[in-house]
Amino acid sequence: MSRIRMSLRYGETPANVFSDFAWIRQNERELLAKYGECNILVYQQQVIGFGNNYQEAVDNAEQNITVGDEEITPVHQWLRERSQRIGMLRKISANQ
């Protein structure tokens, strides 16, 4: 049984969600330098799992978490270079 809960009921927002997403944004460059472009799971401002796809990140996190039997609610983020996305948007708008 997984200790990682990624789905939530409508209107449910765990306490860590907003601070974890803010932490990812504040540390995005360092995270990219350390993990490269990949999927990460963050819980309480700590990367608990990463992988080339979502399922790899969840599996990695399941192996890495040190909490007891309690269920945790990490956030998921796909790390990628922003310049690539901006370049793609410019290319799309230039073609329109």
Protein backbone atom coordinates (compact mmCIF):
# COMPACT_ATOMS: atom_id res chain seq x y z
CA MET A 1 0.00 0.00 0.00
CA SER A 2 1.38 3.38 -0.99
CA ARG A 3 2.04 6.01 1.65
CA ILE A 4 1.97 8.70 -1.02
CA ARG A 5 -1.41 10.25 -1.78
CA MET A 6 -1.48 12.23 -5.00
CA SER A 7 -5.24 12.55 -5.51
CA LEU A 8 -7.42 14.78 -3.36
CA ARG A 9 -11.12 15.24 -2.88
CA TYR A 10 -12.71 18.34 -4.39
CA GLY A 11 -11.90 21.38 -2.26
CA GLU A 12 -9.24 19.57 -0.20
CA THR A 13 -5.91 21.40 0.05
CA PRO A 14 -3.23 19.97 2.34
CA ALA A 15 -1.24 22.50 4.40
CA ASN A 16 2.01 21.87 2.49
CA VAL A 17 0.72 22.56 -1.03
CA PHE A 18 1.17 26.33 -1.33
CA SER A 19 4.49 26.49 0.52
CA ASP A 20 5.89 23.55 -1.49
CA PHE A 21 4.97 25.11 -4.85
CA ALA A 22 6.46 28.45 -3.70
CA TRP A 23 9.64 26.63 -2.62
CA ILE A 24 9.93 24.96 -6.03
CA ARG A 25 9.62 28.33 -7.80
CA GLN A 26 12.19 29.96 -5.49
CA ASN A 27 14.68 27.11 -5.98
CA GLU A 28 13.97 26.21 -9.58
CA ARG A 29 17.46 26.95 -10.91
CA GLU A 30 19.16 24.89 -8.18
CA LEU A 31 16.70 22.04 -8.69
CA LEU A 32 17.32 22.03 -12.45
CA ALA A 33 21.08 22.04 -11.86
CA LYS A 34 20.81 19.10 -9.46
CA TYR A 35 18.12 16.94 -11.13
CA GLY A 36 17.98 18.19 -14.72
CA GLU A 37 14.72 18.17 -16.63
CA CYS A 38 12.52 15.63 -14.88
CA ASN A 39 9.45 15.11 -12.73
CA ILE A 40 9.87 15.78 -9.01
CA LEU A 41 7.74 15.21 -5.93
CA VAL A 42 8.19 17.71 -3.11
CA TYR A 43 6.92 17.37 0.43
CA GLN A 44 7.54 19.99 3.13
CA GLN A 45 10.08 21.82 0.96
CA GLN A 46 12.18 18.73 0.25
CA VAL A 47 12.49 16.67 -2.93
CA ILE A 48 11.39 13.18 -1.97
CA GLY A 49 11.36 11.64 -5.45
CA PHE A 50 12.33 12.27 -9.05
CA GLY A 51 12.21 10.46 -12.37
CA ASN A 52 11.88 10.74 -16.12
CA ASN A 53 8.11 10.38 -15.84
CA TYR A 54 5.44 10.76 -13.18
CA GLN A 55 5.34 7.08 -12.19
CA GLU A 56 9.15 6.89 -11.84
CA ALA A 57 9.03 9.91 -9.53
CA VAL A 58 6.30 8.31 -7.39
CA ASP A 59 8.19 4.99 -7.22
CA ASN A 60 11.41 6.80 -6.30
CA ALA A 61 9.62 8.78 -3.60
CA GLU A 62 8.10 5.62 -2.15
CA GLN A 63 11.62 4.25 -1.69
CA ASN A 64 13.00 7.50 -0.24
CA ILE A 65 10.42 8.67 2.27
CA THR A 66 11.43 8.16 5.87
CA VAL A 67 8.15 8.94 7.59
CA GLY A 68 6.39 6.11 9.39
CA ASP A 69 3.13 4.67 8.20
CA GLU A 70 1.53 8.07 7.83
CA GLU A 71 0.19 9.10 4.46
CA ILE A 72 1.82 12.14 2.85
CA THR A 73 0.56 14.53 0.17
CA PRO A 74 3.49 15.78 -1.93
CA VAL A 75 3.19 18.13 -4.88
CA HIS A 76 4.26 17.15 -8.39
CA GLN A 77 6.21 19.41 -10.73
CA TRP A 78 7.81 18.82 -14.10
CA LEU A 79 11.15 20.66 -14.08
CA ARG A 80 12.19 22.09 -17.43
CA GLU A 81 14.22 24.91 -18.83
CA ARG A 82 11.98 27.95 -19.20
CA SER A 83 13.92 29.34 -22.15
CA GLN A 84 12.79 26.35 -24.20
CA ARG A 85 9.14 27.06 -23.43
CA ILE A 86 9.52 30.79 -24.18
CA GLY A 87 11.26 29.96 -27.45
CA MET A 88 8.44 27.64 -28.42
CA LEU A 89 5.85 30.33 -27.67
CA ARG A 90 7.73 32.85 -29.78
CA LYS A 91 7.93 30.35 -32.63
CA ILE A 92 4.20 29.62 -32.43
CA SER A 93 3.24 33.31 -32.36
CA ALA A 94 5.58 34.07 -35.27
CA ASN A 95 3.88 31.40 -37.37
CA GLN A 96 0.38 32.78 -36.74
